Amino acid sequence: MVRTHVLGRLVYGLLVGIAFWAGAGVQALAGTDRATEAGLAPHKALYEIKMVSNHSSAQFLNISGQMYYEWQPSCEAWISNHRFNLVYEYTDSPSMRITSDYSTYEPFDGKSMNFTSQRKRDGQIFEEIRGSASIDKPGESGAKYTIPEGLFQTLPADTLFPMSHTLAVLEKIRSGGKFHRATIFDGSDRDGPMLVTTFIGKPVESSDIVKVAAGVDSELLRSKAWKIRLAFFPVDSQDEGADYEMSIVFHENGVISDIMIDYKDFSVSQKLLALEKLGSACNDGSGEPNSLKKQESGTTGPVIKKP
């Protein structure tokens, strides 16, 4: 089965990364101020997922569904929530519905991250992940999982969390660079970090690429955008080929308006169905970020409408 979280992992990374890049020098700013200073648009979005090509060797007849995505700054961190609701149709077995929830909480300093995910097959939980990762102590960088209990992933010294990874990619964009390579960890599975290569294209007019659906706030798509291609490799693999590759249209305000994921045997598109701007999650007066409460309670926050 395709790991459904990979359909959105770099969507998250790019969004929080640009926020970190723009706000790194203003640690005292509240979440809303950080987003404003960075020119970001905290938002929620809904994407339609479709299989668009399929080789004869693929085990799938079709994959279809939706991804809900939400990004907001809190008082202390950048947070994101994803939900995938996908139907897998197989060549030699009954179809099944897979739902996947994935949330992250990443403090503004970029040195640590909390992560949690849960996956269900036809309504029954079959995988759950929860843990935290840190890279602030030399020689002790790692990811400690509380679910499954006892699992620990040693992280290479040069590992980047999604924010820091995108910081480097954005520096390349701003300087006119075209290529970046790094090891990243996002906590979306048990498999540890991945090697990611990034190819940066020229600025594009998203109106020439993206067909705007009725539920999309078109104002959010008017910022400068680039085509970016990413390739993902297991860190210890001897195989020269990527596990999968991803092409996106990435906007300067943090919105991603088009996604295509290419696996070895098939390709899957994510088309924007709905897009709305959000405020900060740091406004309830309790002194705690709303986003952290959401993760502790196991919910995923406000929605356009979750699939």
C-alpha atoms as a PDB file:
ATOM      1  CA  MET A   1       0.000   0.000   0.000  1.00  0.00           C
ATOM      2  CA  VAL A   2       1.162   3.527  -0.736  1.00  0.00           C
ATOM      3  CA  ARG A   3       2.052   5.474   2.392  1.00  0.00           C
ATOM      4  CA  THR A   4      -0.675   8.120   2.234  1.00  0.00           C
ATOM      5  CA  HIS A   5       1.227  10.652   4.315  1.00  0.00           C
ATOM      6  CA  VAL A   6       3.782  11.194   1.576  1.00  0.00           C
ATOM      7  CA  LEU A   7       1.128  12.876  -0.532  1.00  0.00           C
ATOM      8  CA  GLY A   8       1.347  15.895   1.736  1.00  0.00           C
ATOM      9  CA  ARG A   9       4.619  15.839   3.669  1.00  0.00           C
ATOM     10  CA  LEU A  10       6.363  18.567   1.645  1.00  0.00           C
ATOM     11  CA  VAL A  11       3.213  20.660   1.508  1.00  0.00           C
ATOM     12  CA  TYR A  12       3.649  20.967   5.255  1.00  0.00           C
ATOM     13  CA  GLY A  13       7.384  21.437   5.035  1.00  0.00           C
ATOM     14  CA  LEU A  14       7.249  24.308   2.597  1.00  0.00           C
ATOM     15  CA  LEU A  15       4.537  26.157   4.466  1.00  0.00           C
ATOM     16  CA  VAL A  16       6.171  26.145   7.872  1.00  0.00           C
ATOM     17  CA  GLY A  17       9.615  26.551   6.389  1.00  0.00           C
ATOM     18  CA  ILE A  18       8.923  29.870   4.721  1.00  0.00           C
ATOM     19  CA  ALA A  19       7.425  31.070   7.984  1.00  0.00           C
ATOM     20  CA  PHE A  20      10.572  30.129   9.898  1.00  0.00           C
ATOM     21  CA  TRP A  21      12.805  31.746   7.295  1.00  0.00           C
ATOM     22  CA  ALA A  22      11.011  35.062   7.521  1.00  0.00           C
ATOM     23  CA  GLY A  23      10.568  35.090  11.300  1.00  0.00           C
ATOM     24  CA  ALA A  24      13.886  33.718  12.561  1.00  0.00           C
ATOM     25  CA  GLY A  25      15.146  37.115  13.658  1.00  0.00           C
ATOM     26  CA  VAL A  26      12.008  38.198  15.538  1.00  0.00           C
ATOM     27  CA  GLN A  27      11.569  35.634  18.286  1.00  0.00           C
ATOM     28  CA  ALA A  28       9.327  37.866  20.421  1.00  0.00           C
ATOM     29  CA  LEU A  29       6.609  38.174  17.818  1.00  0.00           C
ATOM     30  CA  ALA A  30       3.285  36.443  18.376  1.00  0.00           C
ATOM     31  CA  GLY A  31       2.036  33.949  15.822  1.00  0.00           C
ATOM     32  CA  THR A  32      -0.138  36.393  13.878  1.00  0.00           C
ATOM     33  CA  ASP A  33       2.652  38.977  13.767  1.00  0.00           C
ATOM     34  CA  ARG A  34       5.093  36.363  12.497  1.00  0.00           C
ATOM     35  CA  ALA A  35       2.778  35.391   9.671  1.00  0.00           C
ATOM     36  CA  THR A  36       2.139  39.038   8.767  1.00  0.00           C
ATOM     37  CA  GLU A  37       5.836  39.898   8.896  1.00  0.00           C
ATOM     38  CA  ALA A  38       6.589  36.943   6.640  1.00  0.00           C
ATOM     39  CA  GLY A  39       3.902  37.827   4.131  1.00  0.00           C
ATOM     40  CA  LEU A  40       2.218  34.491   4.858  1.00  0.00           C
ATOM     41  CA  ALA A  41      -1.431  33.534   4.726  1.00  0.00           C
ATOM     42  CA  PRO A  42      -2.357  30.942   7.382  1.00  0.00           C
ATOM     43  CA  HIS A  43      -5.054  28.899   5.715  1.00  0.00           C
ATOM     44  CA  LYS A  44      -7.028  25.709   5.321  1.00  0.00           C
ATOM     45  CA  ALA A  45      -7.326  23.913   2.017  1.00  0.00           C
ATOM     46  CA  LEU A  46      -9.011  20.905   0.464  1.00  0.00           C
ATOM     47  CA  TYR A  47      -7.413  18.945  -2.390  1.00  0.00           C
ATOM     48  CA  GLU A  48      -8.944  16.327  -4.667  1.00  0.00           C
ATOM     49  CA  ILE A  49      -6.682  13.292  -5.112  1.00  0.00           C
ATOM     50  CA  LYS A  50      -6.785  11.226  -8.307  1.00  0.00           C
ATOM     51  CA  MET A  51      -4.627   8.610  -9.967  1.00  0.00           C
ATOM     52  CA  VAL A  52      -3.707  10.073 -13.347  1.00  0.00           C
ATOM     53  CA  SER A  53      -1.463   7.362 -14.797  1.00  0.00           C
ATOM     54  CA  ASN A  54      -0.942   3.677 -14.098  1.00  0.00           C
ATOM     55  CA  HIS A  55       1.652   1.256 -15.477  1.00  0.00           C
ATOM     56  CA  SER A  56       0.659  -2.337 -16.158  1.00  0.00           C
ATOM     57  CA  SER A  57       2.814  -3.563 -13.257  1.00  0.00           C
ATOM     58  CA  ALA A  58       0.995  -1.462 -10.639  1.00  0.00           C
ATOM     59  CA  GLN A  59      -0.994  -3.268  -7.946  1.00  0.00           C
ATOM     60  CA  PHE A  60      -3.655  -0.528  -7.997  1.00  0.00           C
ATOM     61  CA  LEU A  61      -6.514  -0.032 -10.407  1.00  0.00           C
ATOM     62  CA  ASN A  62      -7.251   3.376  -8.933  1.00  0.00           C
ATOM     63  CA  ILE A  63      -6.648   5.688  -5.981  1.00  0.00           C
ATOM     64  CA  SER A  64      -9.067   8.541  -5.278  1.00  0.00           C
ATOM     65  CA  GLY A  65     -10.126  10.775  -2.415  1.00  0.00           C
ATOM     66  CA  GLN A  66      -9.338  14.060  -0.696  1.00  0.00           C
ATOM     67  CA  MET A  67      -6.716  15.704   1.494  1.00  0.00           C
ATOM     68  CA  TYR A  68      -7.592  18.381   4.039  1.00  0.00           C
ATOM     69  CA  TYR A  69      -4.739  20.659   5.085  1.00  0.00           C
ATOM     70  CA  GLU A  70      -4.570  23.337   7.791  1.00  0.00           C
ATOM     71  CA  TRP A  71      -1.695  25.606   8.784  1.00  0.00           C
ATOM     72  CA  GLN A  72      -1.645  28.245  11.577  1.00  0.00           C
ATOM     73  CA  PRO A  73       0.923  29.901  13.823  1.00  0.00           C
ATOM     74  CA  SER A  74       0.364  29.503  17.574  1.00  0.00           C
ATOM     75  CA  CYS A  75       1.944  31.500  20.410  1.00  0.00           C
ATOM     76  CA  GLU A  76       5.122  29.405  20.385  1.00  0.00           C
ATOM     77  CA  ALA A  77       5.202  27.269  17.272  1.00  0.00           C
ATOM     78  CA  TRP A  78       4.035  26.546  13.753  1.00  0.00           C
ATOM     79  CA  ILE A  79       1.426  23.807  13.578  1.00  0.00           C
ATOM     80  CA  SER A  80      -0.129  21.823  10.772  1.00  0.00           C
ATOM     81  CA  ASN A  81      -2.859  19.232  10.439  1.00  0.00           C
ATOM     82  CA  HIS A  82      -3.565  16.882   7.538  1.00  0.00           C
ATOM     83  CA  ARG A  83      -6.352  14.424   6.881  1.00  0.00           C
ATOM     84  CA  PHE A  84      -6.381  12.014   3.972  1.00  0.00           C
ATOM     85  CA  ASN A  85      -9.498  10.064   3.016  1.00  0.00           C
ATOM     86  CA  LEU A  86      -8.604   7.696   0.182  1.00  0.00           C
ATOM     87  CA  VAL A  87     -10.151   4.709  -1.565  1.00  0.00           C
ATOM     88  CA  TYR A  88      -7.699   2.123  -2.918  1.00  0.00           C
ATOM     89  CA  GLU A  89      -8.946  -0.163  -5.685  1.00  0.00           C
ATOM     90  CA  TYR A  90      -6.736  -3.219  -6.251  1.00  0.00           C
ATOM     91  CA  THR A  91      -6.215  -5.528  -9.201  1.00  0.00           C
ATOM     92  CA  ASP A  92      -6.592  -8.743  -7.183  1.00  0.00           C
ATOM     93  CA  SER A  93      -8.411  -7.898  -3.918  1.00  0.00           C
ATOM     94  CA  PRO A  94     -11.385  -5.872  -2.614  1.00  0.00           C
ATOM     95  CA  SER A  95     -11.111  -2.097  -2.414  1.00  0.00           C
ATOM     96  CA  MET A  96     -10.507  -0.424   0.936  1.00  0.00           C
ATOM     97  CA  ARG A  97     -10.856   3.029   2.459  1.00  0.00           C
ATOM     98  CA  ILE A  98      -7.828   4.455   4.245  1.00  0.00           C
ATOM     99  CA  THR A  99      -8.070   7.548   6.451  1.00  0.00           C
ATOM    100  CA  SER A 100      -4.920   9.148   7.770  1.00  0.00           C
ATOM    101  CA  ASP A 101      -4.519  12.026  10.255  1.00  0.00           C
ATOM    102  CA  TYR A 102      -1.113  13.652  10.699  1.00  0.00           C
ATOM    103  CA  SER A 103      -0.269  16.646  12.946  1.00  0.00           C
ATOM    104  CA  THR A 104       2.924  18.489  13.862  1.00  0.00           C
ATOM    105  CA  TYR A 105       3.956  21.120  16.395  1.00  0.00           C
ATOM    106  CA  GLU A 106       7.258  22.836  15.600  1.00  0.00           C
ATOM    107  CA  PRO A 107       8.642  25.561  17.923  1.00  0.00           C
ATOM    108  CA  PHE A 108       9.866  28.716  16.237  1.00  0.00           C
ATOM    109  CA  ASP A 109      13.558  28.019  16.964  1.00  0.00           C
ATOM    110  CA  GLY A 110      13.512  25.015  14.613  1.00  0.00           C
ATOM    111  CA  LYS A 111      15.366  22.731  17.048  1.00  0.00           C
ATOM    112  CA  SER A 112      12.576  20.315  17.979  1.00  0.00           C
ATOM    113  CA  MET A 113       9.262  18.921  16.795  1.00  0.00           C
ATOM    114  CA  ASN A 114       6.310  16.939  18.155  1.00  0.00           C
ATOM    115  CA  PHE A 115       4.459  14.671  15.751  1.00  0.00           C
ATOM    116  CA  THR A 116       1.440  12.383  15.791  1.00  0.00           C
ATOM    117  CA  SER A 117      -0.433  10.339  13.206  1.00  0.00           C
ATOM    118  CA  GLN A 118      -3.179   7.736  13.031  1.00  0.00           C
ATOM    119  CA  ARG A 119      -4.281   5.567  10.134  1.00  0.00           C
ATOM    120  CA  LYS A 120      -7.489   3.574   9.743  1.00  0.00           C
ATOM    121  CA  ARG A 121      -8.440   0.840   7.305  1.00  0.00           C
ATOM    122  CA  ASP A 122     -12.210   0.710   6.720  1.00  0.00           C
ATOM    123  CA  GLY A 123     -12.725   2.491  10.049  1.00  0.00           C
ATOM    124  CA  GLN A 124     -10.357   0.327  12.118  1.00  0.00           C
ATOM    125  CA  ILE A 125      -7.073   1.742  13.463  1.00  0.00           C
ATOM    126  CA  PHE A 126      -4.104  -0.182  12.108  1.00  0.00           C
ATOM    127  CA  GLU A 127      -1.238   2.255  12.729  1.00  0.00           C
ATOM    128  CA  GLU A 128      -0.610   4.964  15.304  1.00  0.00           C
ATOM    129  CA  ILE A 129       2.495   7.102  15.773  1.00  0.00           C
ATOM    130  CA  ARG A 130       3.404   9.704  18.374  1.00  0.00           C
ATOM    131  CA  GLY A 131       6.724  11.174  19.409  1.00  0.00           C
ATOM    132  CA  SER A 132       9.168  14.050  19.485  1.00  0.00           C
ATOM    133  CA  ALA A 133      12.474  14.818  17.835  1.00  0.00           C
ATOM    134  CA  SER A 134      15.346  17.106  18.752  1.00  0.00           C
ATOM    135  CA  ILE A 135      18.524  18.311  17.074  1.00  0.00           C
ATOM    136  CA  ASP A 136      19.657  20.859  19.690  1.00  0.00           C
ATOM    137  CA  LYS A 137      22.276  18.677  21.451  1.00  0.00           C
ATOM    138  CA  PRO A 138      25.404  17.675  19.492  1.00  0.00           C
ATOM    139  CA  GLY A 139      25.770  13.905  19.383  1.00  0.00           C
ATOM    140  CA  GLU A 140      22.276  13.332  20.799  1.00  0.00           C
ATOM    141  CA  SER A 141      20.045  14.161  17.845  1.00  0.00           C
ATOM    142  CA  GLY A 142      17.192  11.728  17.511  1.00  0.00           C
ATOM    143  CA  ALA A 143      13.489  10.996  17.387  1.00  0.00           C
ATOM    144  CA  LYS A 144      11.896   9.293  20.400  1.00  0.00           C
ATOM    145  CA  TYR A 145       8.562   7.592  19.776  1.00  0.00           C
ATOM    146  CA  THR A 146       6.070   7.084  22.603  1.00  0.00           C
ATOM    147  CA  ILE A 147       3.876   5.116  20.166  1.00  0.00           C
ATOM    148  CA  PRO A 148       5.223   2.578  19.340  1.00  0.00           C
ATOM    149  CA  GLU A 149       6.872   2.615  22.745  1.00  0.00           C
ATOM    150  CA  GLY A 150      10.638   2.289  22.762  1.00  0.00           C
ATOM    151  CA  LEU A 151      11.262   3.141  19.115  1.00  0.00           C
ATOM    152  CA  PHE A 152      14.166   5.545  18.634  1.00  0.00           C
ATOM    153  CA  GLN A 153      15.548   6.886  15.366  1.00  0.00           C
ATOM    154  CA  THR A 154      19.079   8.254  15.425  1.00  0.00           C
ATOM    155  CA  LEU A 155      19.235  11.316  13.207  1.00  0.00           C
ATOM    156  CA  PRO A 156      22.367  12.256  11.250  1.00  0.00           C
ATOM    157  CA  ALA A 157      24.064  15.417  12.459  1.00  0.00           C
ATOM    158  CA  ASP A 158      22.993  17.317   9.348  1.00  0.00           C
ATOM    159  CA  THR A 159      19.301  16.354   9.586  1.00  0.00           C
ATOM    160  CA  LEU A 160      16.851  19.191   9.018  1.00  0.00           C
ATOM    161  CA  PHE A 161      13.268  19.437  10.210  1.00  0.00           C
ATOM    162  CA  PRO A 162      10.805  20.678   7.572  1.00  0.00           C
ATOM    163  CA  MET A 163      11.167  24.345   8.544  1.00  0.00           C
ATOM    164  CA  SER A 164      14.941  24.331   8.374  1.00  0.00           C
ATOM    165  CA  HIS A 165      14.907  22.369   5.134  1.00  0.00           C
ATOM    166  CA  THR A 166      12.674  24.912   3.492  1.00  0.00           C
ATOM    167  CA  LEU A 167      14.772  27.724   4.931  1.00  0.00           C
ATOM    168  CA  ALA A 168      17.656  26.392   2.841  1.00  0.00           C
ATOM    169  CA  VAL A 169      15.456  25.909  -0.236  1.00  0.00           C
ATOM    170  CA  LEU A 170      14.108  29.445   0.041  1.00  0.00           C
ATOM    171  CA  GLU A 171      17.614  30.833   0.358  1.00  0.00           C
ATOM    172  CA  LYS A 172      18.380  29.058  -2.908  1.00  0.00           C
ATOM    173  CA  ILE A 173      15.277  30.563  -4.530  1.00  0.00           C
ATOM    174  CA  ARG A 174      16.116  34.077  -3.365  1.00  0.00           C
ATOM    175  CA  SER A 175      19.724  33.781  -4.518  1.00  0.00           C
ATOM    176  CA  GLY A 176      18.790  32.376  -7.917  1.00  0.00           C
ATOM    177  CA  GLY A 177      19.990  28.856  -7.117  1.00  0.00           C
ATOM    178  CA  LYS A 178      18.473  25.851  -8.851  1.00  0.00           C
ATOM    179  CA  PHE A 179      19.424  22.799  -6.743  1.00  0.00           C
ATOM    180  CA  HIS A 180      19.422  21.764  -3.077  1.00  0.00           C
ATOM    181  CA  ARG A 181      20.097  18.455  -1.307  1.00  0.00           C
ATOM    182  CA  ALA A 182      19.441  17.639   2.368  1.00  0.00           C
ATOM    183  CA  THR A 183      18.431  14.967   4.872  1.00  0.00           C
ATOM    184  CA  ILE A 184      15.065  15.733   6.491  1.00  0.00           C
ATOM    185  CA  PHE A 185      12.905  14.205   9.224  1.00  0.00           C
ATOM    186  CA  ASP A 186       9.180  14.950   9.535  1.00  0.00           C
ATOM    187  CA  GLY A 187       7.853  12.241  11.887  1.00  0.00           C
ATOM    188  CA  SER A 188       5.208  11.049   9.455  1.00  0.00           C
ATOM    189  CA  ASP A 189       6.178   7.368   9.726  1.00  0.00           C
ATOM    190  CA  ARG A 190       8.490   4.894  11.496  1.00  0.00           C
ATOM    191  CA  ASP A 191      11.093   4.884   8.754  1.00  0.00           C
ATOM    192  CA  GLY A 192      13.259   7.763   9.905  1.00  0.00           C
ATOM    193  CA  PRO A 193      14.803  10.534   7.801  1.00  0.00           C
ATOM    194  CA  MET A 194      14.893  10.777   4.024  1.00  0.00           C
ATOM    195  CA  LEU A 195      17.310  12.329   1.570  1.00  0.00           C
ATOM    196  CA  VAL A 196      15.540  15.012  -0.482  1.00  0.00           C
ATOM    197  CA  THR A 197      16.828  16.721  -3.598  1.00  0.00           C
ATOM    198  CA  THR A 198      15.085  19.869  -4.777  1.00  0.00           C
ATOM    199  CA  PHE A 199      15.099  21.380  -8.265  1.00  0.00           C
ATOM    200  CA  ILE A 200      13.867  24.972  -8.459  1.00  0.00           C
ATOM    201  CA  GLY A 201      12.204  26.195 -11.626  1.00  0.00           C
ATOM    202  CA  LYS A 202      11.523  29.694 -12.890  1.00  0.00           C
ATOM    203  CA  PRO A 203       8.766  31.905 -11.423  1.00  0.00           C
ATOM    204  CA  VAL A 204       5.400  31.084 -12.972  1.00  0.00           C
ATOM    205  CA  GLU A 205       1.970  32.628 -13.302  1.00  0.00           C
ATOM    206  CA  SER A 206      -0.251  30.183 -11.418  1.00  0.00           C
ATOM    207  CA  SER A 207      -3.226  31.315 -13.513  1.00  0.00           C
ATOM    208  CA  ASP A 208      -1.500  29.670 -16.470  1.00  0.00           C
ATOM    209  CA  ILE A 209      -1.246  26.358 -14.599  1.00  0.00           C
ATOM    210  CA  VAL A 210      -4.017  26.090 -12.013  1.00  0.00           C
ATOM    211  CA  LYS A 211      -7.739  26.020 -12.764  1.00  0.00           C
ATOM    212  CA  VAL A 212      -9.384  27.841  -9.853  1.00  0.00           C
ATOM    213  CA  ALA A 213     -12.356  25.988  -8.345  1.00  0.00           C
ATOM    214  CA  ALA A 214     -15.452  27.795  -7.063  1.00  0.00           C
ATOM    215  CA  GLY A 215     -14.505  27.230  -3.406  1.00  0.00           C
ATOM    216  CA  VAL A 216     -11.042  28.801  -3.723  1.00  0.00           C
ATOM    217  CA  ASP A 217     -10.259  32.285  -2.424  1.00  0.00           C
ATOM    218  CA  SER A 218      -8.480  33.497  -5.569  1.00  0.00           C
ATOM    219  CA  GLU A 219      -6.854  36.390  -3.673  1.00  0.00           C
ATOM    220  CA  LEU A 220      -4.596  33.812  -2.029  1.00  0.00           C
ATOM    221  CA  LEU A 221      -3.291  32.677  -5.430  1.00  0.00           C
ATOM    222  CA  ARG A 222      -2.099  36.079  -6.635  1.00  0.00           C
ATOM    223  CA  SER A 223       1.320  35.995  -4.977  1.00  0.00           C
ATOM    224  CA  LYS A 224       4.514  35.059  -6.806  1.00  0.00           C
ATOM    225  CA  ALA A 225       4.869  31.327  -7.488  1.00  0.00           C
ATOM    226  CA  TRP A 226       7.487  28.813  -8.599  1.00  0.00           C
ATOM    227  CA  LYS A 227       7.460  25.317 -10.013  1.00  0.00           C
ATOM    228  CA  ILE A 228       9.507  23.056  -7.740  1.00  0.00           C
ATOM    229  CA  ARG A 229      10.460  19.387  -8.233  1.00  0.00           C
ATOM    230  CA  LEU A 230      11.476  17.217  -5.263  1.00  0.00           C
ATOM    231  CA  ALA A 231      12.859  13.672  -5.191  1.00  0.00           C
ATOM    232  CA  PHE A 232      12.805  11.464  -2.060  1.00  0.00           C
ATOM    233  CA  PHE A 233      15.365   8.742  -1.286  1.00  0.00           C
ATOM    234  CA  PRO A 234      15.808   6.426   1.743  1.00  0.00           C
ATOM    235  CA  VAL A 235      18.957   7.522   3.580  1.00  0.00           C
ATOM    236  CA  ASP A 236      20.629   4.084   3.560  1.00  0.00           C
ATOM    237  CA  SER A 237      19.417   2.864   0.176  1.00  0.00           C
ATOM    238  CA  GLN A 238      21.900   1.721  -2.477  1.00  0.00           C
ATOM    239  CA  ASP A 239      19.259   2.199  -5.172  1.00  0.00           C
ATOM    240  CA  GLU A 240      20.002   5.211  -7.347  1.00  0.00           C
ATOM    241  CA  GLY A 241      16.318   5.752  -8.131  1.00  0.00           C
ATOM    242  CA  ALA A 242      14.028   7.868  -5.956  1.00  0.00           C
ATOM    243  CA  ASP A 243      11.207   6.277  -3.948  1.00  0.00           C
ATOM    244  CA  TYR A 244       8.941   8.943  -5.411  1.00  0.00           C
ATOM    245  CA  GLU A 245       9.084  12.469  -6.828  1.00  0.00           C
ATOM    246  CA  MET A 246       6.818  15.470  -6.335  1.00  0.00           C
ATOM    247  CA  SER A 247       6.121  18.545  -8.466  1.00  0.00           C
ATOM    248  CA  ILE A 248       4.368  21.542  -6.903  1.00  0.00           C
ATOM    249  CA  VAL A 249       3.350  25.118  -7.638  1.00  0.00           C
ATOM    250  CA  PHE A 250       4.528  26.998  -4.544  1.00  0.00           C
ATOM    251  CA  HIS A 251       3.387  30.541  -3.729  1.00  0.00           C
ATOM    252  CA  GLU A 252       5.353  33.135  -1.800  1.00  0.00           C
ATOM    253  CA  ASN A 253       2.503  33.491   0.722  1.00  0.00           C
ATOM    254  CA  GLY A 254       2.777  29.783   1.631  1.00  0.00           C
ATOM    255  CA  VAL A 255      -0.084  28.415  -0.473  1.00  0.00           C
ATOM    256  CA  ILE A 256       0.542  25.374  -2.667  1.00  0.00           C
ATOM    257  CA  SER A 257      -1.902  25.396  -5.545  1.00  0.00           C
ATOM    258  CA  ASP A 258      -0.986  22.258  -7.481  1.00  0.00           C
ATOM    259  CA  ILE A 259       0.694  18.935  -6.628  1.00  0.00           C
ATOM    260  CA  MET A 260       1.714  15.892  -8.661  1.00  0.00           C
ATOM    261  CA  ILE A 261       3.331  12.817  -7.055  1.00  0.00           C
ATOM    262  CA  ASP A 262       5.111  10.322  -9.295  1.00  0.00           C
ATOM    263  CA  TYR A 263       5.727   6.786  -8.009  1.00  0.00           C
ATOM    264  CA  LYS A 264       7.531   4.080  -9.963  1.00  0.00           C
ATOM    265  CA  ASP A 265       4.299   2.485 -11.234  1.00  0.00           C
ATOM    266  CA  PHE A 266       1.755   5.322 -11.193  1.00  0.00           C
ATOM    267  CA  SER A 267       1.167   9.043 -10.616  1.00  0.00           C
ATOM    268  CA  VAL A 268      -1.302  10.846  -8.345  1.00  0.00           C
ATOM    269  CA  SER A 269      -2.502  14.452  -8.636  1.00  0.00           C
ATOM    270  CA  GLN A 270      -3.781  16.778  -5.909  1.00  0.00           C
ATOM    271  CA  LYS A 271      -5.992  19.562  -7.271  1.00  0.00           C
ATOM    272  CA  LEU A 272      -7.142  22.467  -5.128  1.00  0.00           C
ATOM    273  CA  LEU A 273     -10.890  22.303  -4.418  1.00  0.00           C
ATOM    274  CA  ALA A 274     -11.255  24.875  -1.628  1.00  0.00           C
ATOM    275  CA  LEU A 275      -9.035  27.461   0.062  1.00  0.00           C
ATOM    276  CA  GLU A 276      -9.766  29.848   2.932  1.00  0.00           C
ATOM    277  CA  LYS A 277      -7.614  32.210   4.974  1.00  0.00           C
ATOM    278  CA  LEU A 278      -7.249  31.608   8.731  1.00  0.00           C
ATOM    279  CA  GLY A 279      -6.148  33.751  11.680  1.00  0.00           C
ATOM    280  CA  SER A 280      -3.705  32.832  14.434  1.00  0.00           C
ATOM    281  CA  ALA A 281      -4.279  29.975  16.898  1.00  0.00           C
ATOM    282  CA  CYS A 282      -2.811  32.189  19.643  1.00  0.00           C
ATOM    283  CA  ASN A 283      -5.866  34.239  20.569  1.00  0.00           C
ATOM    284  CA  ASP A 284      -7.849  32.465  23.295  1.00  0.00           C
ATOM    285  CA  GLY A 285      -6.245  34.227  26.298  1.00  0.00           C
ATOM    286  CA  SER A 286      -5.187  31.039  28.094  1.00  0.00           C
ATOM    287  CA  GLY A 287      -1.468  31.446  27.477  1.00  0.00           C
ATOM    288  CA  GLU A 288      -1.288  28.129  25.656  1.00  0.00           C
ATOM    289  CA  PRO A 289      -1.331  27.695  21.900  1.00  0.00           C
ATOM    290  CA  ASN A 290      -4.674  26.395  20.683  1.00  0.00           C
ATOM    291  CA  SER A 291      -2.848  24.100  18.283  1.00  0.00           C
ATOM    292  CA  LEU A 292      -1.128  22.212  21.099  1.00  0.00           C
ATOM    293  CA  LYS A 293      -4.484  21.668  22.790  1.00  0.00           C
ATOM    294  CA  LYS A 294      -5.821  20.284  19.510  1.00  0.00           C
ATOM    295  CA  GLN A 295      -3.005  17.774  19.325  1.00  0.00           C
ATOM    296  CA  GLU A 296      -3.421  16.759  22.965  1.00  0.00           C
ATOM    297  CA  SER A 297      -7.144  16.152  22.457  1.00  0.00           C
ATOM    298  CA  GLY A 298      -6.557  14.263  19.224  1.00  0.00           C
ATOM    299  CA  THR A 299      -8.646  16.614  17.064  1.00  0.00           C
ATOM    300  CA  THR A 300      -7.493  18.481  14.010  1.00  0.00           C
ATOM    301  CA  GLY A 301      -9.058  21.909  14.320  1.00  0.00           C
ATOM    302  CA  PRO A 302     -11.419  23.967  12.173  1.00  0.00           C
ATOM    303  CA  VAL A 303     -12.259  22.795   8.700  1.00  0.00           C
ATOM    304  CA  ILE A 304     -13.564  23.829   5.326  1.00  0.00           C
ATOM    305  CA  LYS A 305     -15.029  20.376   5.514  1.00  0.00           C
ATOM    306  CA  LYS A 306     -12.867  17.410   6.269  1.00  0.00           C
ATOM    307  CA  PRO A 307     -13.206  14.511   3.870  1.00  0.00           C
END
